[in-house]
Amino acid sequence: MIKLKIKTGDTVKVIAGEDKGSEGKVLRVLREKNKAVVEGINMVSKHTKPSAKNPQGGIVKKEAPIHISNLAIVDPSTKEATRTGVRVEGDKKVRFSKKSNQVL
């Protein structure tokens, strides 16, 4: 498995695909598939049968995973997409924005 630069809770911007330009918060990261589930991005319609949990059934909208390569982390200070780097501060590893050089 490869190391991913995106973590759960990060705010990301979609840089390619149908939802290009939209932003959202990462809900889950699927490392084995190199994908992430982002809030409000890549919505799909799922047909569900009636069940005890959902007695009505019907069509439910939910987020589908999107490939990591189509996402970029949003820099909190400048509010634009940026690449990230890692450096050691004291005895901790921290991620930083390559654009503003600030810790994420």
PDB file of N, CA and C in Angstrom:
ATOM      1  N   MET A   1       0.836  -1.185   0.000  1.00  0.00           N
ATOM      2  CA  MET A   1       0.000   0.000   0.000  1.00  0.00           C
ATOM      3  C   MET A   1       0.879   1.247   0.000  1.00  0.00           C
ATOM      4  N   ILE A   2       0.453   2.250  -0.755  1.00  0.00           N
ATOM      5  CA  ILE A   2       1.233   3.480  -0.811  1.00  0.00           C
ATOM      6  C   ILE A   2       0.726   4.480   0.215  1.00  0.00           C
ATOM      7  N   LYS A   3       1.567   5.416   0.585  1.00  0.00           N
ATOM      8  CA  LYS A   3       1.205   6.460   1.538  1.00  0.00           C
ATOM      9  C   LYS A   3       0.425   7.540   0.806  1.00  0.00           C
ATOM     10  N   LEU A   4      -0.722   7.912   1.349  1.00  0.00           N
ATOM     11  CA  LEU A   4      -1.553   8.939   0.731  1.00  0.00           C
ATOM     12  C   LEU A   4      -1.363  10.264   1.452  1.00  0.00           C
ATOM     13  N   LYS A   5      -1.500  11.362   0.713  1.00  0.00           N
ATOM     14  CA  LYS A   5      -1.305  12.682   1.296  1.00  0.00           C
ATOM     15  C   LYS A   5      -2.597  13.265   1.839  1.00  0.00           C
ATOM     16  N   ILE A   6      -3.721  12.592   1.585  1.00  0.00           N
ATOM     17  CA  ILE A   6      -5.025  13.082   2.032  1.00  0.00           C
ATOM     18  C   ILE A   6      -5.489  12.247   3.214  1.00  0.00           C
ATOM     19  N   LYS A   7      -6.005  12.920   4.242  1.00  0.00           N
ATOM     20  CA  LYS A   7      -6.463  12.235   5.447  1.00  0.00           C
ATOM     21  C   LYS A   7      -7.918  12.584   5.716  1.00  0.00           C
ATOM     22  N   THR A   8      -8.576  11.762   6.537  1.00  0.00           N
ATOM     23  CA  THR A   8      -9.948  12.014   6.945  1.00  0.00           C
ATOM     24  C   THR A   8     -10.019  13.360   7.665  1.00  0.00           C
ATOM     25  N   GLY A   9     -11.006  14.179   7.294  1.00  0.00           N
ATOM     26  CA  GLY A   9     -11.172  15.488   7.929  1.00  0.00           C
ATOM     27  C   GLY A   9     -10.581  16.634   7.125  1.00  0.00           C
ATOM     28  N   ASP A  10      -9.728  16.338   6.144  1.00  0.00           N
ATOM     29  CA  ASP A  10      -9.156  17.393   5.298  1.00  0.00           C
ATOM     30  C   ASP A  10     -10.234  18.012   4.419  1.00  0.00           C
ATOM     31  N   THR A  11     -10.088  19.305   4.128  1.00  0.00           N
ATOM     32  CA  THR A  11     -10.938  19.952   3.142  1.00  0.00           C
ATOM     33  C   THR A  11     -10.213  19.839   1.809  1.00  0.00           C
ATOM     34  N   VAL A  12     -10.913  19.298   0.804  1.00  0.00           N
ATOM     35  CA  VAL A  12     -10.285  19.083  -0.500  1.00  0.00           C
ATOM     36  C   VAL A  12     -11.095  19.741  -1.605  1.00  0.00           C
ATOM     37  N   LYS A  13     -10.412  19.989  -2.722  1.00  0.00           N
ATOM     38  CA  LYS A  13     -11.050  20.552  -3.913  1.00  0.00           C
ATOM     39  C   LYS A  13     -10.915  19.535  -5.035  1.00  0.00           C
ATOM     40  N   VAL A  14     -11.984  19.351  -5.813  1.00  0.00           N
ATOM     41  CA  VAL A  14     -11.944  18.423  -6.942  1.00  0.00           C
ATOM     42  C   VAL A  14     -11.296  19.148  -8.109  1.00  0.00           C
ATOM     43  N   ILE A  15     -10.222  18.561  -8.675  1.00  0.00           N
ATOM     44  CA  ILE A  15      -9.476  19.217  -9.748  1.00  0.00           C
ATOM     45  C   ILE A  15      -9.734  18.587 -11.107  1.00  0.00           C
ATOM     46  N   ALA A  16     -10.492  17.476 -11.144  1.00  0.00           N
ATOM     47  CA  ALA A  16     -10.806  16.827 -12.419  1.00  0.00           C
ATOM     48  C   ALA A  16     -12.096  16.044 -12.275  1.00  0.00           C
ATOM     49  N   GLY A  17     -12.801  15.903 -13.379  1.00  0.00           N
ATOM     50  CA  GLY A  17     -14.015  15.088 -13.372  1.00  0.00           C
ATOM     51  C   GLY A  17     -15.290  15.914 -13.365  1.00  0.00           C
ATOM     52  N   GLU A  18     -16.403  15.225 -13.148  1.00  0.00           N
ATOM     53  CA  GLU A  18     -17.728  15.827 -13.223  1.00  0.00           C
ATOM     54  C   GLU A  18     -17.940  16.944 -12.203  1.00  0.00           C
ATOM     55  N   ASP A  19     -17.395  16.786 -11.002  1.00  0.00           N
ATOM     56  CA  ASP A  19     -17.583  17.761  -9.923  1.00  0.00           C
ATOM     57  C   ASP A  19     -16.427  18.753  -9.808  1.00  0.00           C
ATOM     58  N   LYS A  20     -15.685  18.966 -10.900  1.00  0.00           N
ATOM     59  CA  LYS A  20     -14.509  19.836 -10.894  1.00  0.00           C
ATOM     60  C   LYS A  20     -14.836  21.219 -10.327  1.00  0.00           C
ATOM     61  N   GLY A  21     -13.986  21.673  -9.400  1.00  0.00           N
ATOM     62  CA  GLY A  21     -14.149  22.998  -8.817  1.00  0.00           C
ATOM     63  C   GLY A  21     -14.866  22.998  -7.476  1.00  0.00           C
ATOM     64  N   SER A  22     -15.568  21.927  -7.136  1.00  0.00           N
ATOM     65  CA  SER A  22     -16.308  21.911  -5.874  1.00  0.00           C
ATOM     66  C   SER A  22     -15.413  21.432  -4.730  1.00  0.00           C
ATOM     67  N   GLU A  23     -15.779  21.866  -3.507  1.00  0.00           N
ATOM     68  CA  GLU A  23     -14.998  21.543  -2.328  1.00  0.00           C
ATOM     69  C   GLU A  23     -15.836  20.748  -1.343  1.00  0.00           C
ATOM     70  N   GLY A  24     -15.175  19.986  -0.506  1.00  0.00           N
ATOM     71  CA  GLY A  24     -15.865  19.220   0.524  1.00  0.00           C
ATOM     72  C   GLY A  24     -14.883  18.648   1.526  1.00  0.00           C
ATOM     73  N   LYS A  25     -15.434  18.051   2.571  1.00  0.00           N
ATOM     74  CA  LYS A  25     -14.632  17.467   3.645  1.00  0.00           C
ATOM     75  C   LYS A  25     -14.513  15.962   3.413  1.00  0.00           C
ATOM     76  N   VAL A  26     -13.332  15.415   3.622  1.00  0.00           N
ATOM     77  CA  VAL A  26     -13.102  13.980   3.430  1.00  0.00           C
ATOM     78  C   VAL A  26     -13.750  13.220   4.593  1.00  0.00           C
ATOM     79  N   LEU A  27     -14.670  12.289   4.241  1.00  0.00           N
ATOM     80  CA  LEU A  27     -15.352  11.496   5.247  1.00  0.00           C
ATOM     81  C   LEU A  27     -14.604  10.199   5.538  1.00  0.00           C
ATOM     82  N   ARG A  28     -14.056   9.576   4.473  1.00  0.00           N
ATOM     83  CA  ARG A  28     -13.353   8.301   4.592  1.00  0.00           C
ATOM     84  C   ARG A  28     -12.280   8.214   3.534  1.00  0.00           C
ATOM     85  N   VAL A  29     -11.201   7.510   3.842  1.00  0.00           N
ATOM     86  CA  VAL A  29     -10.149   7.252   2.854  1.00  0.00           C
ATOM     87  C   VAL A  29     -10.039   5.745   2.682  1.00  0.00           C
ATOM     88  N   LEU A  30     -10.143   5.285   1.425  1.00  0.00           N
ATOM     89  CA  LEU A  30     -10.032   3.860   1.108  1.00  0.00           C
ATOM     90  C   LEU A  30      -8.628   3.632   0.541  1.00  0.00           C
ATOM     91  N   ARG A  31      -7.667   3.305   1.407  1.00  0.00           N
ATOM     92  CA  ARG A  31      -6.260   3.214   1.002  1.00  0.00           C
ATOM     93  C   ARG A  31      -6.000   2.119  -0.016  1.00  0.00           C
ATOM     94  N   GLU A  32      -6.682   0.984   0.128  1.00  0.00           N
ATOM     95  CA  GLU A  32      -6.427  -0.138  -0.783  1.00  0.00           C
ATOM     96  C   GLU A  32      -6.885   0.154  -2.210  1.00  0.00           C
ATOM     97  N   LYS A  33      -7.832   1.088  -2.371  1.00  0.00           N
ATOM     98  CA  LYS A  33      -8.327   1.441  -3.707  1.00  0.00           C
ATOM     99  C   LYS A  33      -7.853   2.820  -4.180  1.00  0.00           C
ATOM    100  N   ASN A  34      -7.064   3.520  -3.354  1.00  0.00           N
ATOM    101  CA  ASN A  34      -6.612   4.890  -3.662  1.00  0.00           C
ATOM    102  C   ASN A  34      -7.776   5.835  -3.905  1.00  0.00           C
ATOM    103  N   LYS A  35      -8.820   5.720  -3.099  1.00  0.00           N
ATOM    104  CA  LYS A  35     -10.001   6.557  -3.268  1.00  0.00           C
ATOM    105  C   LYS A  35     -10.387   7.186  -1.938  1.00  0.00           C
ATOM    106  N   ALA A  36     -11.216   8.235  -2.027  1.00  0.00           N
ATOM    107  CA  ALA A  36     -11.724   8.903  -0.830  1.00  0.00           C
ATOM    108  C   ALA A  36     -13.193   9.234  -1.041  1.00  0.00           C
ATOM    109  N   VAL A  37     -13.951   9.234   0.057  1.00  0.00           N
ATOM    110  CA  VAL A  37     -15.352   9.631   0.025  1.00  0.00           C
ATOM    111  C   VAL A  37     -15.401  11.057   0.557  1.00  0.00           C
ATOM    112  N   VAL A  38     -15.920  11.983  -0.276  1.00  0.00           N
ATOM    113  CA  VAL A  38     -15.947  13.395   0.074  1.00  0.00           C
ATOM    114  C   VAL A  38     -17.397  13.856   0.201  1.00  0.00           C
ATOM    115  N   GLU A  39     -17.661  14.635   1.238  1.00  0.00           N
ATOM    116  CA  GLU A  39     -19.005  15.116   1.552  1.00  0.00           C
ATOM    117  C   GLU A  39     -19.593  15.929   0.389  1.00  0.00           C
ATOM    118  N   GLY A  40     -20.718  15.463  -0.151  1.00  0.00           N
ATOM    119  CA  GLY A  40     -21.431  16.187  -1.204  1.00  0.00           C
ATOM    120  C   GLY A  40     -20.832  16.072  -2.600  1.00  0.00           C
ATOM    121  N   ILE A  41     -19.801  15.244  -2.773  1.00  0.00           N
ATOM    122  CA  ILE A  41     -19.119  15.103  -4.067  1.00  0.00           C
ATOM    123  C   ILE A  41     -19.397  13.711  -4.626  1.00  0.00           C
ATOM    124  N   ASN A  42     -19.535  13.610  -5.955  1.00  0.00           N
ATOM    125  CA  ASN A  42     -19.724  12.335  -6.648  1.00  0.00           C
ATOM    126  C   ASN A  42     -20.964  11.601  -6.126  1.00  0.00           C
ATOM    127  N   MET A  43     -22.089  12.314  -6.075  1.00  0.00           N
ATOM    128  CA  MET A  43     -23.334  11.746  -5.562  1.00  0.00           C
ATOM    129  C   MET A  43     -23.913  10.757  -6.564  1.00  0.00           C
ATOM    130  N   VAL A  44     -24.360   9.600  -6.052  1.00  0.00           N
ATOM    131  CA  VAL A  44     -24.980   8.581  -6.887  1.00  0.00           C
ATOM    132  C   VAL A  44     -26.333   8.226  -6.293  1.00  0.00           C
ATOM    133  N   SER A  45     -27.236   7.713  -7.145  1.00  0.00           N
ATOM    134  CA  SER A  45     -28.550   7.267  -6.689  1.00  0.00           C
ATOM    135  C   SER A  45     -28.495   5.774  -6.439  1.00  0.00           C
ATOM    136  N   LYS A  46     -28.847   5.372  -5.228  1.00  0.00           N
ATOM    137  CA  LYS A  46     -28.843   3.957  -4.877  1.00  0.00           C
ATOM    138  C   LYS A  46     -30.276   3.520  -4.637  1.00  0.00           C
ATOM    139  N   HIS A  47     -30.703   2.487  -5.337  1.00  0.00           N
ATOM    140  CA  HIS A  47     -32.053   1.953  -5.173  1.00  0.00           C
ATOM    141  C   HIS A  47     -32.057   0.991  -3.996  1.00  0.00           C
ATOM    142  N   THR A  48     -32.938   1.231  -3.026  1.00  0.00           N
ATOM    143  CA  THR A  48     -32.973   0.375  -1.836  1.00  0.00           C
ATOM    144  C   THR A  48     -34.331  -0.295  -1.692  1.00  0.00           C
ATOM    145  N   LYS A  49     -34.291  -1.566  -1.284  1.00  0.00           N
ATOM    146  CA  LYS A  49     -35.516  -2.311  -1.007  1.00  0.00           C
ATOM    147  C   LYS A  49     -36.072  -1.880   0.342  1.00  0.00           C
ATOM    148  N   PRO A  50     -37.368  -1.976   0.541  1.00  0.00           N
ATOM    149  CA  PRO A  50     -37.906  -1.698   1.875  1.00  0.00           C
ATOM    150  C   PRO A  50     -37.333  -2.684   2.900  1.00  0.00           C
ATOM    151  N   SER A  51     -36.984  -2.172   4.080  1.00  0.00           N
ATOM    152  CA  SER A  51     -36.437  -3.008   5.143  1.00  0.00           C
ATOM    153  C   SER A  51     -36.938  -2.473   6.479  1.00  0.00           C
ATOM    154  N   ALA A  52     -36.562  -3.124   7.557  1.00  0.00           N
ATOM    155  CA  ALA A  52     -36.969  -2.658   8.880  1.00  0.00           C
ATOM    156  C   ALA A  52     -36.369  -1.278   9.175  1.00  0.00           C
ATOM    157  N   LYS A  53     -35.132  -1.073   8.717  1.00  0.00           N
ATOM    158  CA  LYS A  53     -34.457   0.203   8.942  1.00  0.00           C
ATOM    159  C   LYS A  53     -35.056   1.298   8.066  1.00  0.00           C
ATOM    160  N   ASN A  54     -35.399   0.939   6.822  1.00  0.00           N
ATOM    161  CA  ASN A  54     -35.964   1.897   5.869  1.00  0.00           C
ATOM    162  C   ASN A  54     -37.252   1.306   5.293  1.00  0.00           C
ATOM    163  N   PRO A  55     -38.386   1.441   5.992  1.00  0.00           N
ATOM    164  CA  PRO A  55     -39.626   0.767   5.560  1.00  0.00           C
ATOM    165  C   PRO A  55     -40.165   1.270   4.217  1.00  0.00           C
ATOM    166  N   GLN A  56     -39.831   2.497   3.847  1.00  0.00           N
ATOM    167  CA  GLN A  56     -40.335   3.070   2.597  1.00  0.00           C
ATOM    168  C   GLN A  56     -39.566   2.531   1.384  1.00  0.00           C
ATOM    169  N   GLY A  57     -38.262   2.328   1.540  1.00  0.00           N
ATOM    170  CA  GLY A  57     -37.442   1.931   0.386  1.00  0.00           C
ATOM    171  C   GLY A  57     -37.261   3.115  -0.541  1.00  0.00           C
ATOM    172  N   GLY A  58     -36.990   2.873  -1.817  1.00  0.00           N
ATOM    173  CA  GLY A  58     -36.888   3.953  -2.797  1.00  0.00           C
ATOM    174  C   GLY A  58     -35.460   4.263  -3.193  1.00  0.00           C
ATOM    175  N   ILE A  59     -35.270   5.496  -3.681  1.00  0.00           N
ATOM    176  CA  ILE A  59     -33.968   5.922  -4.195  1.00  0.00           C
ATOM    177  C   ILE A  59     -33.291   6.821  -3.163  1.00  0.00           C
ATOM    178  N   VAL A  60     -32.059   6.451  -2.809  1.00  0.00           N
ATOM    179  CA  VAL A  60     -31.298   7.209  -1.816  1.00  0.00           C
ATOM    180  C   VAL A  60     -30.076   7.798  -2.496  1.00  0.00           C
ATOM    181  N   LYS A  61     -29.806   9.090  -2.260  1.00  0.00           N
ATOM    182  CA  LYS A  61     -28.606   9.741  -2.790  1.00  0.00           C
ATOM    183  C   LYS A  61     -27.489   9.563  -1.774  1.00  0.00           C
ATOM    184  N   LYS A  62     -26.304   9.125  -2.243  1.00  0.00           N
ATOM    185  CA  LYS A  62     -25.167   8.994  -1.344  1.00  0.00           C
ATOM    186  C   LYS A  62     -23.867   9.269  -2.088  1.00  0.00           C
ATOM    187  N   GLU A  63     -22.811   9.545  -1.322  1.00  0.00           N
ATOM    188  CA  GLU A  63     -21.506   9.838  -1.914  1.00  0.00           C
ATOM    189  C   GLU A  63     -20.804   8.545  -2.326  1.00  0.00           C
ATOM    190  N   ALA A  64     -20.225   8.565  -3.515  1.00  0.00           N
ATOM    191  CA  ALA A  64     -19.425   7.439  -3.983  1.00  0.00           C
ATOM    192  C   ALA A  64     -17.944   7.839  -3.892  1.00  0.00           C
ATOM    193  N   PRO A  65     -17.051   6.869  -3.771  1.00  0.00           N
ATOM    194  CA  PRO A  65     -15.620   7.199  -3.691  1.00  0.00           C
ATOM    195  C   PRO A  65     -15.119   7.866  -4.978  1.00  0.00           C
ATOM    196  N   ILE A  66     -14.170   8.780  -4.814  1.00  0.00           N
ATOM    197  CA  ILE A  66     -13.538   9.458  -5.947  1.00  0.00           C
ATOM    198  C   ILE A  66     -12.028   9.232  -5.827  1.00  0.00           C
ATOM    199  N   HIS A  67     -11.350   9.109  -6.962  1.00  0.00           N
ATOM    200  CA  HIS A  67      -9.926   8.792  -6.946  1.00  0.00           C
ATOM    201  C   HIS A  67      -9.118   9.944  -6.346  1.00  0.00           C
ATOM    202  N   ILE A  68      -8.105   9.576  -5.560  1.00  0.00           N
ATOM    203  CA  ILE A  68      -7.252  10.553  -4.868  1.00  0.00           C
ATOM    204  C   ILE A  68      -6.580  11.521  -5.843  1.00  0.00           C
ATOM    205  N   SER A  69      -6.242  11.037  -7.042  1.00  0.00           N
ATOM    206  CA  SER A  69      -5.542  11.886  -8.017  1.00  0.00           C
ATOM    207  C   SER A  69      -6.417  13.040  -8.494  1.00  0.00           C
ATOM    208  N   ASN A  70      -7.720  12.959  -8.290  1.00  0.00           N
ATOM    209  CA  ASN A  70      -8.629  14.026  -8.703  1.00  0.00           C
ATOM    210  C   ASN A  70      -8.905  15.012  -7.580  1.00  0.00           C
ATOM    211  N   LEU A  71      -8.190  14.894  -6.466  1.00  0.00           N
ATOM    212  CA  LEU A  71      -8.403  15.761  -5.309  1.00  0.00           C
ATOM    213  C   LEU A  71      -7.129  16.517  -4.963  1.00  0.00           C
ATOM    214  N   ALA A  72      -7.299  17.748  -4.469  1.00  0.00           N
ATOM    215  CA  ALA A  72      -6.172  18.538  -3.973  1.00  0.00           C
ATOM    216  C   ALA A  72      -6.581  19.155  -2.639  1.00  0.00           C
ATOM    217  N   ILE A  73      -5.660  19.169  -1.681  1.00  0.00           N
ATOM    218  CA  ILE A  73      -5.943  19.737  -0.364  1.00  0.00           C
ATOM    219  C   ILE A  73      -6.067  21.251  -0.485  1.00  0.00           C
ATOM    220  N   VAL A  74      -7.045  21.823   0.251  1.00  0.00           N
ATOM    221  CA  VAL A  74      -7.258  23.265   0.251  1.00  0.00           C
ATOM    222  C   VAL A  74      -6.465  23.867   1.404  1.00  0.00           C
ATOM    223  N   ASP A  75      -5.652  24.885   1.088  1.00  0.00           N
ATOM    224  CA  ASP A  75      -4.862  25.599   2.089  1.00  0.00           C
ATOM    225  C   ASP A  75      -5.816  26.462   2.924  1.00  0.00           C
ATOM    226  N   PRO A  76      -5.856  26.287   4.252  1.00  0.00           N
ATOM    227  CA  PRO A  76      -6.808  27.043   5.069  1.00  0.00           C
ATOM    228  C   PRO A  76      -6.594  28.561   5.038  1.00  0.00           C
ATOM    229  N   SER A  77      -5.349  29.024   4.858  1.00  0.00           N
ATOM    230  CA  SER A  77      -5.089  30.466   4.882  1.00  0.00           C
ATOM    231  C   SER A  77      -5.435  31.152   3.566  1.00  0.00           C
ATOM    232  N   THR A  78      -5.115  30.515   2.419  1.00  0.00           N
ATOM    233  CA  THR A  78      -5.362  31.160   1.128  1.00  0.00           C
ATOM    234  C   THR A  78      -6.633  30.665   0.448  1.00  0.00           C
ATOM    235  N   LYS A  79      -7.240  29.572   0.972  1.00  0.00           N
ATOM    236  CA  LYS A  79      -8.479  28.999   0.431  1.00  0.00           C
ATOM    237  C   LYS A  79      -8.336  28.526  -1.018  1.00  0.00           C
ATOM    238  N   GLU A  80      -7.118  28.115  -1.406  1.00  0.00           N
ATOM    239  CA  GLU A  80      -6.935  27.546  -2.749  1.00  0.00           C
ATOM    240  C   GLU A  80      -6.190  26.221  -2.671  1.00  0.00           C
ATOM    241  N   ALA A  81      -6.290  25.436  -3.747  1.00  0.00           N
ATOM    242  CA  ALA A  81      -5.685  24.109  -3.783  1.00  0.00           C
ATOM    243  C   ALA A  81      -4.161  24.218  -3.698  1.00  0.00           C
ATOM    244  N   THR A  82      -3.560  23.270  -2.998  1.00  0.00           N
ATOM    245  CA  THR A  82      -2.117  23.292  -2.825  1.00  0.00           C
ATOM    246  C   THR A  82      -1.572  21.872  -2.754  1.00  0.00           C
ATOM    247  N   ARG A  83      -0.270  21.730  -2.980  1.00  0.00           N
ATOM    248  CA  ARG A  83       0.399  20.466  -2.734  1.00  0.00           C
ATOM    249  C   ARG A  83       0.907  20.494  -1.300  1.00  0.00           C
ATOM    250  N   THR A  84       1.232  19.315  -0.777  1.00  0.00           N
ATOM    251  CA  THR A  84       1.702  19.263   0.601  1.00  0.00           C
ATOM    252  C   THR A  84       3.097  18.672   0.682  1.00  0.00           C
ATOM    253  N   GLY A  85       3.789  19.035   1.747  1.00  0.00           N
ATOM    254  CA  GLY A  85       5.087  18.468   2.043  1.00  0.00           C
ATOM    255  C   GLY A  85       5.109  18.057   3.499  1.00  0.00           C
ATOM    256  N   VAL A  86       6.162  17.353   3.909  1.00  0.00           N
ATOM    257  CA  VAL A  86       6.312  16.924   5.296  1.00  0.00           C
ATOM    258  C   VAL A  86       7.659  17.410   5.799  1.00  0.00           C
ATOM    259  N   ARG A  87       7.650  17.963   7.008  1.00  0.00           N
ATOM    260  CA  ARG A  87       8.903  18.372   7.643  1.00  0.00           C
ATOM    261  C   ARG A  87       8.828  18.060   9.134  1.00  0.00           C
ATOM    262  N   VAL A  88       9.986  18.046   9.780  1.00  0.00           N
ATOM    263  CA  VAL A  88      10.041  17.747  11.203  1.00  0.00           C
ATOM    264  C   VAL A  88      10.169  19.064  11.969  1.00  0.00           C
ATOM    265  N   GLU A  89       9.232  19.289  12.898  1.00  0.00           N
ATOM    266  CA  GLU A  89       9.304  20.459  13.782  1.00  0.00           C
ATOM    267  C   GLU A  89       9.417  19.949  15.200  1.00  0.00           C
ATOM    268  N   GLY A  90      10.559  20.185  15.816  1.00  0.00           N
ATOM    269  CA  GLY A  90      10.813  19.617  17.152  1.00  0.00           C
ATOM    270  C   GLY A  90      10.988  18.123  17.024  1.00  0.00           C
ATOM    271  N   ASP A  91      10.065  17.371  17.632  1.00  0.00           N
ATOM    272  CA  ASP A  91      10.137  15.913  17.511  1.00  0.00           C
ATOM    273  C   ASP A  91       8.916  15.356  16.798  1.00  0.00           C
ATOM    274  N   LYS A  92       8.160  16.224  16.101  1.00  0.00           N
ATOM    275  CA  LYS A  92       6.957  15.779  15.398  1.00  0.00           C
ATOM    276  C   LYS A  92       7.068  16.020  13.897  1.00  0.00           C
ATOM    277  N   LYS A  93       6.462  15.098  13.125  1.00  0.00           N
ATOM    278  CA  LYS A  93       6.340  15.295  11.680  1.00  0.00           C
ATOM    279  C   LYS A  93       5.075  16.091  11.436  1.00  0.00           C
ATOM    280  N   VAL A  94       5.143  17.133  10.619  1.00  0.00           N
ATOM    281  CA  VAL A  94       3.952  17.932  10.306  1.00  0.00           C
ATOM    282  C   VAL A  94       3.823  18.091   8.797  1.00  0.00           C
ATOM    283  N   ARG A  95       2.565  18.179   8.340  1.00  0.00           N
ATOM    284  CA  ARG A  95       2.306  18.464   6.928  1.00  0.00           C
ATOM    285  C   ARG A  95       2.232  19.969   6.756  1.00  0.00           C
ATOM    286  N   PHE A  96       2.768  20.464   5.626  1.00  0.00           N
ATOM    287  CA  PHE A  96       2.692  21.902   5.378  1.00  0.00           C
ATOM    288  C   PHE A  96       2.293  22.168   3.936  1.00  0.00           C
ATOM    289  N   SER A  97       1.733  23.349   3.711  1.00  0.00           N
ATOM    290  CA  SER A  97       1.307  23.764   2.385  1.00  0.00           C
ATOM    291  C   SER A  97       2.509  24.257   1.608  1.00  0.00           C
ATOM    292  N   LYS A  98       2.659  23.801   0.366  1.00  0.00           N
ATOM    293  CA  LYS A  98       3.793  24.236  -0.463  1.00  0.00           C
ATOM    294  C   LYS A  98       3.597  25.671  -0.945  1.00  0.00           C
ATOM    295  N   LYS A  99       2.325  26.151  -1.005  1.00  0.00           N
ATOM    296  CA  LYS A  99       2.078  27.522  -1.466  1.00  0.00           C
ATOM    297  C   LYS A  99       2.366  28.535  -0.383  1.00  0.00           C
ATOM    298  N   SER A 100       1.789  28.341   0.810  1.00  0.00           N
ATOM    299  CA  SER A 100       1.932  29.340   1.859  1.00  0.00           C
ATOM    300  C   SER A 100       2.975  28.965   2.917  1.00  0.00           C
ATOM    301  N   ASN A 101       3.509  27.743   2.846  1.00  0.00           N
ATOM    302  CA  ASN A 101       4.522  27.243   3.779  1.00  0.00           C
ATOM    303  C   ASN A 101       4.000  27.172   5.219  1.00  0.00           C
ATOM    304  N   GLN A 102       2.663  27.089   5.395  1.00  0.00           N
ATOM    305  CA  GLN A 102       2.078  27.006   6.730  1.00  0.00           C
ATOM    306  C   GLN A 102       1.691  25.562   7.047  1.00  0.00           C
ATOM    307  N   VAL A 103       1.690  25.233   8.335  1.00  0.00           N
ATOM    308  CA  VAL A 103       1.347  23.885   8.791  1.00  0.00           C
ATOM    309  C   VAL A 103      -0.147  23.651   8.572  1.00  0.00           C
ATOM    310  N   LEU A 104      -0.483  22.462   8.056  1.00  0.00           N
ATOM    311  CA  LEU A 104      -1.892  22.126   7.821  1.00  0.00           C
ATOM    312  C   LEU A 104      -2.481  21.468   9.057  1.00  0.00           C
TER     313      LEU A 104
END
